[in-house]
Amino acid sequence: MKNLFTIGEIASIFGETKETFRHYDRVGLLKPCLVKKNKYRYYSLDQFEMISTILHLRSIGTPIDRIIDLLHSSSKKSISEELRKQREQLHEQIERMKYLEYQASRLLDRFENFDTEKIEHKVEPTFYILRQDFSDKKLGIDPGHIVSFHQNISSEWLKYSNIISIIKGENLYKQFFHEYASYGILSEEACEEANAFYYEIPSRLYVTGCIQILSFNHEEIDDLYVRMLQYIDHEELIIDGDCFERNILDLYNEKAEGDIHYIKVYIPVRKAGNED
């Protein structure tokens, strides 16, 4: 019965690459039982169980240095502790991947439901917002303000939130569609920590509409606001708070100057005669 196997044969038997076994040799994890003068590596049949153990531990993410320690350990307790630790790390990775899948699904849902022809009113979920007034009428943003603006807010929350621009409700009736009072960041998820700029907007009724912006001065949004105001009037609704433009997605536009902005506008409203 054959007892010695080349590195190529071992790689084929265990479904790995030859480089994997060369690497294990270099780091001292798995040495061949024989290296001939031509530097060919050979592994014995007796090493198969060890190879299987190593590959199993690597498949669950156990670091090579810990595998080396485990292979030389006779303590069942230390092996159990390492396996338990690895299981916990895998659980954390799984939870992380589930969260990333959830975030990808949210973005996909917003993008696939982005309809520039549709204006509607419906109850939106609770929003969590960081809001900061512009430093002057020229819409300047003070770098010092940004530092304090983000203070105590987790980078994870910021990463999966959307940038918003805010217009005072009374300015919509005046058709001042480009007089932004504030900028901010919005999410449907609460941030675990907060600061003075962070607050919650309870679930409520909004009129919403979508627009794709291509121009530098965002002139396309004027028509959307006019249509939304006509809708509000037709549905006998009343603007009831500040409006915000939510930047769903920004894409580079190779055919024209500037980016492509996918914007969703939210105008808070109440039914006429309802003062609550």
C-alpha atoms as a PDB file:
ATOM      1  CA  MET A   1       0.000   0.000   0.000  1.00  0.00           C
ATOM      2  CA  LYS A   2       1.274   3.434  -0.882  1.00  0.00           C
ATOM      3  CA  ASN A   3       2.535   5.327   2.175  1.00  0.00           C
ATOM      4  CA  LEU A   4       4.161   8.480   0.767  1.00  0.00           C
ATOM      5  CA  PHE A   5       2.351  11.205  -1.125  1.00  0.00           C
ATOM      6  CA  THR A   6       3.675  14.245  -2.957  1.00  0.00           C
ATOM      7  CA  ILE A   7       2.472  17.713  -2.039  1.00  0.00           C
ATOM      8  CA  GLY A   8       0.401  17.755  -5.236  1.00  0.00           C
ATOM      9  CA  GLU A   9      -1.295  14.489  -4.309  1.00  0.00           C
ATOM     10  CA  ILE A  10      -1.999  15.684  -0.769  1.00  0.00           C
ATOM     11  CA  ALA A  11      -3.448  18.933  -2.101  1.00  0.00           C
ATOM     12  CA  SER A  12      -5.710  16.976  -4.451  1.00  0.00           C
ATOM     13  CA  ILE A  13      -6.820  14.517  -1.763  1.00  0.00           C
ATOM     14  CA  PHE A  14      -7.788  17.257   0.710  1.00  0.00           C
ATOM     15  CA  GLY A  15      -9.089  19.776  -1.806  1.00  0.00           C
ATOM     16  CA  GLU A  16      -6.482  22.432  -0.990  1.00  0.00           C
ATOM     17  CA  THR A  17      -3.752  24.151  -2.974  1.00  0.00           C
ATOM     18  CA  LYS A  18      -0.114  23.142  -2.955  1.00  0.00           C
ATOM     19  CA  GLU A  19       0.723  26.644  -1.722  1.00  0.00           C
ATOM     20  CA  THR A  20      -1.402  26.036   1.386  1.00  0.00           C
ATOM     21  CA  PHE A  21       0.802  23.117   2.405  1.00  0.00           C
ATOM     22  CA  ARG A  22       3.987  25.006   1.510  1.00  0.00           C
ATOM     23  CA  HIS A  23       2.811  27.802   3.796  1.00  0.00           C
ATOM     24  CA  TYR A  24       2.018  25.376   6.621  1.00  0.00           C
ATOM     25  CA  ASP A  25       5.560  24.002   6.239  1.00  0.00           C
ATOM     26  CA  ARG A  26       7.138  27.478   6.365  1.00  0.00           C
ATOM     27  CA  VAL A  27       5.293  28.509   9.543  1.00  0.00           C
ATOM     28  CA  GLY A  28       5.915  25.199  11.289  1.00  0.00           C
ATOM     29  CA  LEU A  29       2.305  24.040  11.384  1.00  0.00           C
ATOM     30  CA  LEU A  30       2.699  20.941   9.233  1.00  0.00           C
ATOM     31  CA  LYS A  31       6.086  19.604   8.194  1.00  0.00           C
ATOM     32  CA  PRO A  32       6.397  16.923   5.497  1.00  0.00           C
ATOM     33  CA  CYS A  33       7.708  13.612   6.790  1.00  0.00           C
ATOM     34  CA  LEU A  34      10.343  13.584   4.058  1.00  0.00           C
ATOM     35  CA  VAL A  35      12.083  16.155   1.879  1.00  0.00           C
ATOM     36  CA  LYS A  36      14.296  14.616  -0.776  1.00  0.00           C
ATOM     37  CA  LYS A  37      17.452  16.130  -2.263  1.00  0.00           C
ATOM     38  CA  ASN A  38      15.413  17.548  -5.128  1.00  0.00           C
ATOM     39  CA  LYS A  39      13.413  19.422  -2.413  1.00  0.00           C
ATOM     40  CA  TYR A  40      10.236  17.489  -3.182  1.00  0.00           C
ATOM     41  CA  ARG A  41       8.010  17.242  -0.127  1.00  0.00           C
ATOM     42  CA  TYR A  42       6.386  13.963   0.848  1.00  0.00           C
ATOM     43  CA  TYR A  43       3.658  13.309   3.397  1.00  0.00           C
ATOM     44  CA  SER A  44       2.855   9.985   4.971  1.00  0.00           C
ATOM     45  CA  LEU A  45      -0.426   8.173   5.408  1.00  0.00           C
ATOM     46  CA  ASP A  46       0.045   8.547   9.179  1.00  0.00           C
ATOM     47  CA  GLN A  47      -0.240  12.346   8.801  1.00  0.00           C
ATOM     48  CA  PHE A  48      -3.713  12.219   7.248  1.00  0.00           C
ATOM     49  CA  GLU A  49      -5.540  12.520  10.604  1.00  0.00           C
ATOM     50  CA  MET A  50      -3.336  15.451  11.591  1.00  0.00           C
ATOM     51  CA  ILE A  51      -3.928  17.150   8.237  1.00  0.00           C
ATOM     52  CA  SER A  52      -7.675  16.656   8.624  1.00  0.00           C
ATOM     53  CA  THR A  53      -7.587  18.184  12.122  1.00  0.00           C
ATOM     54  CA  ILE A  54      -5.576  21.186  10.930  1.00  0.00           C
ATOM     55  CA  LEU A  55      -7.892  21.848   7.997  1.00  0.00           C
ATOM     56  CA  HIS A  56     -10.948  21.517  10.221  1.00  0.00           C
ATOM     57  CA  LEU A  57      -9.590  24.038  12.725  1.00  0.00           C
ATOM     58  CA  ARG A  58      -8.577  26.429   9.939  1.00  0.00           C
ATOM     59  CA  SER A  59     -12.030  26.114   8.350  1.00  0.00           C
ATOM     60  CA  ILE A  60     -13.634  27.530  11.507  1.00  0.00           C
ATOM     61  CA  GLY A  61     -11.132  30.373  11.606  1.00  0.00           C
ATOM     62  CA  THR A  62      -8.707  29.190  14.287  1.00  0.00           C
ATOM     63  CA  PRO A  63      -5.435  31.138  13.930  1.00  0.00           C
ATOM     64  CA  ILE A  64      -2.383  29.136  12.894  1.00  0.00           C
ATOM     65  CA  ASP A  65      -0.427  29.976  16.046  1.00  0.00           C
ATOM     66  CA  ARG A  66      -3.290  28.692  18.214  1.00  0.00           C
ATOM     67  CA  ILE A  67      -3.512  25.476  16.145  1.00  0.00           C
ATOM     68  CA  ILE A  68       0.199  24.908  16.741  1.00  0.00           C
ATOM     69  CA  ASP A  69      -0.387  25.267  20.489  1.00  0.00           C
ATOM     70  CA  LEU A  70      -3.423  22.987  20.404  1.00  0.00           C
ATOM     71  CA  LEU A  71      -1.627  20.262  18.473  1.00  0.00           C
ATOM     72  CA  HIS A  72       0.975  20.128  21.226  1.00  0.00           C
ATOM     73  CA  SER A  73      -1.552  20.302  24.052  1.00  0.00           C
ATOM     74  CA  SER A  74      -2.685  17.331  26.074  1.00  0.00           C
ATOM     75  CA  SER A  75      -5.154  19.434  28.063  1.00  0.00           C
ATOM     76  CA  LYS A  76      -8.778  18.800  27.159  1.00  0.00           C
ATOM     77  CA  LYS A  77      -9.717  21.980  29.015  1.00  0.00           C
ATOM     78  CA  SER A  78      -7.474  24.241  26.928  1.00  0.00           C
ATOM     79  CA  ILE A  79      -8.772  22.687  23.709  1.00  0.00           C
ATOM     80  CA  SER A  80     -12.387  23.158  24.851  1.00  0.00           C
ATOM     81  CA  GLU A  81     -11.705  26.789  25.803  1.00  0.00           C
ATOM     82  CA  GLU A  82     -10.193  27.519  22.402  1.00  0.00           C
ATOM     83  CA  LEU A  83     -13.067  25.882  20.553  1.00  0.00           C
ATOM     84  CA  ARG A  84     -15.596  27.745  22.694  1.00  0.00           C
ATOM     85  CA  LYS A  85     -13.783  31.022  21.987  1.00  0.00           C
ATOM     86  CA  GLN A  86     -13.792  30.284  18.274  1.00  0.00           C
ATOM     87  CA  ARG A  87     -17.499  29.479  18.369  1.00  0.00           C
ATOM     88  CA  GLU A  88     -18.221  32.838  20.035  1.00  0.00           C
ATOM     89  CA  GLN A  89     -16.188  34.662  17.405  1.00  0.00           C
ATOM     90  CA  LEU A  90     -18.053  32.876  14.636  1.00  0.00           C
ATOM     91  CA  HIS A  91     -21.365  33.832  16.257  1.00  0.00           C
ATOM     92  CA  GLU A  92     -20.276  37.487  16.303  1.00  0.00           C
ATOM     93  CA  GLN A  93     -19.289  37.272  12.639  1.00  0.00           C
ATOM     94  CA  ILE A  94     -22.627  35.703  11.740  1.00  0.00           C
ATOM     95  CA  GLU A  95     -24.513  38.453  13.574  1.00  0.00           C
ATOM     96  CA  ARG A  96     -22.381  41.044  11.795  1.00  0.00           C
ATOM     97  CA  MET A  97     -23.133  39.502   8.410  1.00  0.00           C
ATOM     98  CA  LYS A  98     -26.849  39.428   9.222  1.00  0.00           C
ATOM     99  CA  TYR A  99     -26.677  43.134  10.058  1.00  0.00           C
ATOM    100  CA  LEU A 100     -24.859  43.912   6.797  1.00  0.00           C
ATOM    101  CA  GLU A 101     -27.466  41.883   4.894  1.00  0.00           C
ATOM    102  CA  TYR A 102     -30.183  43.912   6.623  1.00  0.00           C
ATOM    103  CA  GLN A 103     -28.509  47.195   5.669  1.00  0.00           C
ATOM    104  CA  ALA A 104     -28.071  46.033   2.066  1.00  0.00           C
ATOM    105  CA  SER A 105     -31.759  45.071   1.941  1.00  0.00           C
ATOM    106  CA  ARG A 106     -32.798  48.479   3.260  1.00  0.00           C
ATOM    107  CA  LEU A 107     -30.759  50.303   0.641  1.00  0.00           C
ATOM    108  CA  LEU A 108     -32.029  48.002  -2.105  1.00  0.00           C
ATOM    109  CA  ASP A 109     -35.635  48.544  -0.981  1.00  0.00           C
ATOM    110  CA  ARG A 110     -35.254  52.339  -1.006  1.00  0.00           C
ATOM    111  CA  PHE A 111     -33.627  52.283  -4.423  1.00  0.00           C
ATOM    112  CA  GLU A 112     -36.079  49.862  -6.055  1.00  0.00           C
ATOM    113  CA  ASN A 113     -39.046  51.855  -4.677  1.00  0.00           C
ATOM    114  CA  PHE A 114     -37.580  55.140  -5.902  1.00  0.00           C
ATOM    115  CA  ASP A 115     -40.369  56.387  -8.192  1.00  0.00           C
ATOM    116  CA  THR A 116     -40.143  59.943  -9.541  1.00  0.00           C
ATOM    117  CA  GLU A 117     -43.750  59.799 -10.787  1.00  0.00           C
ATOM    118  CA  LYS A 118     -45.295  58.941  -7.439  1.00  0.00           C
ATOM    119  CA  ILE A 119     -46.400  61.387  -4.757  1.00  0.00           C
ATOM    120  CA  GLU A 120     -48.219  59.957  -1.766  1.00  0.00           C
ATOM    121  CA  HIS A 121     -49.006  60.557   1.873  1.00  0.00           C
ATOM    122  CA  LYS A 122     -48.515  57.908   4.500  1.00  0.00           C
ATOM    123  CA  VAL A 123     -47.319  57.395   8.041  1.00  0.00           C
ATOM    124  CA  GLU A 124     -43.547  57.019   8.157  1.00  0.00           C
ATOM    125  CA  PRO A 125     -41.658  55.329  11.005  1.00  0.00           C
ATOM    126  CA  THR A 126     -39.857  57.124  13.803  1.00  0.00           C
ATOM    127  CA  PHE A 127     -36.809  59.013  12.554  1.00  0.00           C
ATOM    128  CA  TYR A 128     -33.618  59.710  14.498  1.00  0.00           C
ATOM    129  CA  ILE A 129     -31.827  62.857  13.408  1.00  0.00           C
ATOM    130  CA  LEU A 130     -28.651  64.802  13.952  1.00  0.00           C
ATOM    131  CA  ARG A 131     -29.439  68.405  13.036  1.00  0.00           C
ATOM    132  CA  GLN A 132     -27.218  71.462  12.795  1.00  0.00           C
ATOM    133  CA  ASP A 133     -28.131  74.925  11.540  1.00  0.00           C
ATOM    134  CA  PHE A 134     -26.056  76.343   8.729  1.00  0.00           C
ATOM    135  CA  SER A 135     -23.479  78.797  10.061  1.00  0.00           C
ATOM    136  CA  ASP A 136     -24.571  81.604   7.720  1.00  0.00           C
ATOM    137  CA  LYS A 137     -26.981  82.403   4.902  1.00  0.00           C
ATOM    138  CA  LYS A 138     -24.447  81.192   2.330  1.00  0.00           C
ATOM    139  CA  LEU A 139     -24.936  77.647   3.608  1.00  0.00           C
ATOM    140  CA  GLY A 140     -21.443  77.546   5.029  1.00  0.00           C
ATOM    141  CA  ILE A 141     -20.491  74.616   7.243  1.00  0.00           C
ATOM    142  CA  ASP A 142     -18.054  75.410  10.028  1.00  0.00           C
ATOM    143  CA  PRO A 143     -15.457  72.607  10.406  1.00  0.00           C
ATOM    144  CA  GLY A 144     -15.520  73.147  14.156  1.00  0.00           C
ATOM    145  CA  HIS A 145     -19.261  72.551  14.161  1.00  0.00           C
ATOM    146  CA  ILE A 146     -18.840  69.224  12.394  1.00  0.00           C
ATOM    147  CA  VAL A 147     -16.505  67.966  15.122  1.00  0.00           C
ATOM    148  CA  SER A 148     -18.993  68.764  17.881  1.00  0.00           C
ATOM    149  CA  PHE A 149     -21.861  67.606  15.646  1.00  0.00           C
ATOM    150  CA  HIS A 150     -20.481  64.039  15.496  1.00  0.00           C
ATOM    151  CA  GLN A 151     -19.262  63.894  19.090  1.00  0.00           C
ATOM    152  CA  ASN A 152     -20.401  60.739  20.944  1.00  0.00           C
ATOM    153  CA  ILE A 153     -22.157  59.440  17.817  1.00  0.00           C
ATOM    154  CA  SER A 154     -20.997  56.002  16.704  1.00  0.00           C
ATOM    155  CA  SER A 155     -19.286  55.745  13.332  1.00  0.00           C
ATOM    156  CA  GLU A 156     -21.456  52.687  12.619  1.00  0.00           C
ATOM    157  CA  TRP A 157     -24.640  54.756  12.966  1.00  0.00           C
ATOM    158  CA  LEU A 158     -23.214  57.516  10.775  1.00  0.00           C
ATOM    159  CA  LYS A 159     -22.139  55.005   8.130  1.00  0.00           C
ATOM    160  CA  TYR A 160     -25.641  53.641   7.553  1.00  0.00           C
ATOM    161  CA  SER A 161     -27.546  56.921   7.855  1.00  0.00           C
ATOM    162  CA  ASN A 162     -28.457  59.417   5.128  1.00  0.00           C
ATOM    163  CA  ILE A 163     -27.510  63.063   4.722  1.00  0.00           C
ATOM    164  CA  ILE A 164     -30.483  65.442   4.785  1.00  0.00           C
ATOM    165  CA  SER A 165     -31.093  69.111   4.026  1.00  0.00           C
ATOM    166  CA  ILE A 166     -33.893  70.850   5.907  1.00  0.00           C
ATOM    167  CA  ILE A 167     -36.262  73.627   4.810  1.00  0.00           C
ATOM    168  CA  LYS A 168     -38.568  75.487   7.154  1.00  0.00           C
ATOM    169  CA  GLY A 169     -42.193  74.527   6.547  1.00  0.00           C
ATOM    170  CA  GLU A 170     -43.353  78.121   6.112  1.00  0.00           C
ATOM    171  CA  ASN A 171     -40.850  78.632   3.297  1.00  0.00           C
ATOM    172  CA  LEU A 172     -42.498  75.937   1.198  1.00  0.00           C
ATOM    173  CA  TYR A 173     -45.713  77.961   0.932  1.00  0.00           C
ATOM    174  CA  LYS A 174     -43.574  80.921  -0.165  1.00  0.00           C
ATOM    175  CA  GLN A 175     -41.906  78.610  -2.726  1.00  0.00           C
ATOM    176  CA  PHE A 176     -38.456  79.289  -1.261  1.00  0.00           C
ATOM    177  CA  PHE A 177     -37.302  75.826  -2.245  1.00  0.00           C
ATOM    178  CA  HIS A 178     -33.581  76.477  -1.911  1.00  0.00           C
ATOM    179  CA  GLU A 179     -33.458  78.332   1.412  1.00  0.00           C
ATOM    180  CA  TYR A 180     -32.041  75.585   3.576  1.00  0.00           C
ATOM    181  CA  ALA A 181     -32.096  76.205   7.309  1.00  0.00           C
ATOM    182  CA  SER A 182     -30.170  73.158   8.485  1.00  0.00           C
ATOM    183  CA  TYR A 183     -28.280  70.073   7.435  1.00  0.00           C
ATOM    184  CA  GLY A 184     -28.237  66.763   9.185  1.00  0.00           C
ATOM    185  CA  ILE A 185     -28.136  62.992   9.214  1.00  0.00           C
ATOM    186  CA  LEU A 186     -31.157  60.714   9.444  1.00  0.00           C
ATOM    187  CA  SER A 187     -31.870  57.072  10.198  1.00  0.00           C
ATOM    188  CA  GLU A 188     -34.763  54.842  11.165  1.00  0.00           C
ATOM    189  CA  GLU A 189     -32.461  53.269  13.742  1.00  0.00           C
ATOM    190  CA  ALA A 190     -31.718  54.830  17.101  1.00  0.00           C
ATOM    191  CA  CYS A 191     -28.135  55.624  18.021  1.00  0.00           C
ATOM    192  CA  GLU A 192     -27.054  54.122  21.332  1.00  0.00           C
ATOM    193  CA  GLU A 193     -25.323  57.347  22.374  1.00  0.00           C
ATOM    194  CA  ALA A 194     -26.452  60.895  21.764  1.00  0.00           C
ATOM    195  CA  ASN A 195     -25.406  64.540  21.923  1.00  0.00           C
ATOM    196  CA  ALA A 196     -27.109  67.946  21.901  1.00  0.00           C
ATOM    197  CA  PHE A 197     -27.769  67.759  18.138  1.00  0.00           C
ATOM    198  CA  TYR A 198     -29.509  64.394  18.239  1.00  0.00           C
ATOM    199  CA  TYR A 199     -33.249  64.008  18.622  1.00  0.00           C
ATOM    200  CA  GLU A 200     -36.179  61.776  17.748  1.00  0.00           C
ATOM    201  CA  ILE A 201     -39.092  62.532  15.432  1.00  0.00           C
ATOM    202  CA  PRO A 202     -42.012  60.265  16.347  1.00  0.00           C
ATOM    203  CA  SER A 203     -43.809  58.334  13.638  1.00  0.00           C
ATOM    204  CA  ARG A 204     -46.188  60.618  11.771  1.00  0.00           C
ATOM    205  CA  LEU A 205     -47.846  61.521   8.468  1.00  0.00           C
ATOM    206  CA  TYR A 206     -45.752  62.784   5.536  1.00  0.00           C
ATOM    207  CA  VAL A 207     -46.248  63.623   1.905  1.00  0.00           C
ATOM    208  CA  THR A 208     -43.303  62.131   0.014  1.00  0.00           C
ATOM    209  CA  GLY A 209     -41.908  62.393  -3.474  1.00  0.00           C
ATOM    210  CA  CYS A 210     -38.718  61.396  -5.286  1.00  0.00           C
ATOM    211  CA  ILE A 211     -36.495  63.259  -7.725  1.00  0.00           C
ATOM    212  CA  GLN A 212     -33.323  62.504  -9.628  1.00  0.00           C
ATOM    213  CA  ILE A 213     -31.027  65.535  -9.580  1.00  0.00           C
ATOM    214  CA  LEU A 214     -28.530  66.084 -12.381  1.00  0.00           C
ATOM    215  CA  SER A 215     -27.991  69.855 -12.409  1.00  0.00           C
ATOM    216  CA  PHE A 216     -25.493  71.685 -10.229  1.00  0.00           C
ATOM    217  CA  ASN A 217     -28.099  74.070  -8.822  1.00  0.00           C
ATOM    218  CA  HIS A 218     -30.717  71.349  -8.203  1.00  0.00           C
ATOM    219  CA  GLU A 219     -33.309  73.215 -10.256  1.00  0.00           C
ATOM    220  CA  GLU A 220     -35.200  69.983 -10.993  1.00  0.00           C
ATOM    221  CA  ILE A 221     -36.451  69.855  -7.436  1.00  0.00           C
ATOM    222  CA  ASP A 222     -38.592  72.969  -7.914  1.00  0.00           C
ATOM    223  CA  ASP A 223     -41.053  71.070 -10.092  1.00  0.00           C
ATOM    224  CA  LEU A 224     -41.312  68.283  -7.495  1.00  0.00           C
ATOM    225  CA  TYR A 225     -42.103  70.768  -4.737  1.00  0.00           C
ATOM    226  CA  VAL A 226     -44.778  72.439  -6.868  1.00  0.00           C
ATOM    227  CA  ARG A 227     -46.386  69.055  -7.554  1.00  0.00           C
ATOM    228  CA  MET A 228     -46.201  68.114  -3.880  1.00  0.00           C
ATOM    229  CA  LEU A 229     -47.837  71.396  -2.843  1.00  0.00           C
ATOM    230  CA  GLN A 230     -50.616  70.791  -5.376  1.00  0.00           C
ATOM    231  CA  TYR A 231     -51.056  67.301  -3.942  1.00  0.00           C
ATOM    232  CA  ILE A 232     -51.229  68.683  -0.393  1.00  0.00           C
ATOM    233  CA  ASP A 233     -53.887  71.183  -1.452  1.00  0.00           C
ATOM    234  CA  HIS A 234     -55.895  68.574  -3.344  1.00  0.00           C
ATOM    235  CA  GLU A 235     -55.832  66.143  -0.391  1.00  0.00           C
ATOM    236  CA  GLU A 236     -56.818  68.942   2.006  1.00  0.00           C
ATOM    237  CA  LEU A 237     -53.657  68.556   4.055  1.00  0.00           C
ATOM    238  CA  ILE A 238     -51.665  71.192   5.930  1.00  0.00           C
ATOM    239  CA  ILE A 239     -47.891  71.419   6.190  1.00  0.00           C
ATOM    240  CA  ASP A 240     -47.042  70.757   9.819  1.00  0.00           C
ATOM    241  CA  GLY A 241     -43.311  71.140  10.394  1.00  0.00           C
ATOM    242  CA  ASP A 242     -40.004  71.349   8.603  1.00  0.00           C
ATOM    243  CA  CYS A 243     -39.411  69.505   5.345  1.00  0.00           C
ATOM    244  CA  PHE A 244     -36.294  67.479   4.679  1.00  0.00           C
ATOM    245  CA  GLU A 245     -34.587  66.183   1.550  1.00  0.00           C
ATOM    246  CA  ARG A 246     -33.039  62.776   2.060  1.00  0.00           C
ATOM    247  CA  ASN A 247     -30.058  61.803  -0.071  1.00  0.00           C
ATOM    248  CA  ILE A 248     -30.795  58.140  -0.842  1.00  0.00           C
ATOM    249  CA  LEU A 249     -27.837  57.588  -3.152  1.00  0.00           C
ATOM    250  CA  ASP A 250     -25.136  59.575  -4.937  1.00  0.00           C
ATOM    251  CA  LEU A 251     -23.603  58.295  -8.161  1.00  0.00           C
ATOM    252  CA  TYR A 252     -20.860  59.729 -10.332  1.00  0.00           C
ATOM    253  CA  ASN A 253     -22.184  61.013 -13.639  1.00  0.00           C
ATOM    254  CA  GLU A 254     -19.645  60.429 -16.418  1.00  0.00           C
ATOM    255  CA  LYS A 255     -21.799  62.027 -19.116  1.00  0.00           C
ATOM    256  CA  ALA A 256     -22.255  65.390 -17.418  1.00  0.00           C
ATOM    257  CA  GLU A 257     -20.644  67.602 -14.825  1.00  0.00           C
ATOM    258  CA  GLY A 258     -21.489  66.760 -11.246  1.00  0.00           C
ATOM    259  CA  ASP A 259     -23.087  63.736  -9.618  1.00  0.00           C
ATOM    260  CA  ILE A 260     -26.469  62.053  -9.896  1.00  0.00           C
ATOM    261  CA  HIS A 261     -28.433  62.571  -6.683  1.00  0.00           C
ATOM    262  CA  TYR A 262     -31.363  60.349  -5.777  1.00  0.00           C
ATOM    263  CA  ILE A 263     -33.403  62.497  -3.401  1.00  0.00           C
ATOM    264  CA  LYS A 264     -36.553  61.682  -1.465  1.00  0.00           C
ATOM    265  CA  VAL A 265     -38.480  64.636  -0.039  1.00  0.00           C
ATOM    266  CA  TYR A 266     -40.523  64.350   3.158  1.00  0.00           C
ATOM    267  CA  ILE A 267     -43.069  67.062   4.020  1.00  0.00           C
ATOM    268  CA  PRO A 268     -44.759  66.564   7.420  1.00  0.00           C
ATOM    269  CA  VAL A 269     -48.507  67.184   7.186  1.00  0.00           C
ATOM    270  CA  ARG A 270     -51.719  66.862   9.107  1.00  0.00           C
ATOM    271  CA  LYS A 271     -55.273  66.661   7.933  1.00  0.00           C
ATOM    272  CA  ALA A 272     -57.112  69.963   7.785  1.00  0.00           C
ATOM    273  CA  GLY A 273     -59.042  70.540  10.986  1.00  0.00           C
ATOM    274  CA  ASN A 274     -56.827  68.166  12.953  1.00  0.00           C
ATOM    275  CA  GLU A 275     -54.816  70.210  15.448  1.00  0.00           C
ATOM    276  CA  ASP A 276     -53.264  67.176  17.209  1.00  0.00           C
END
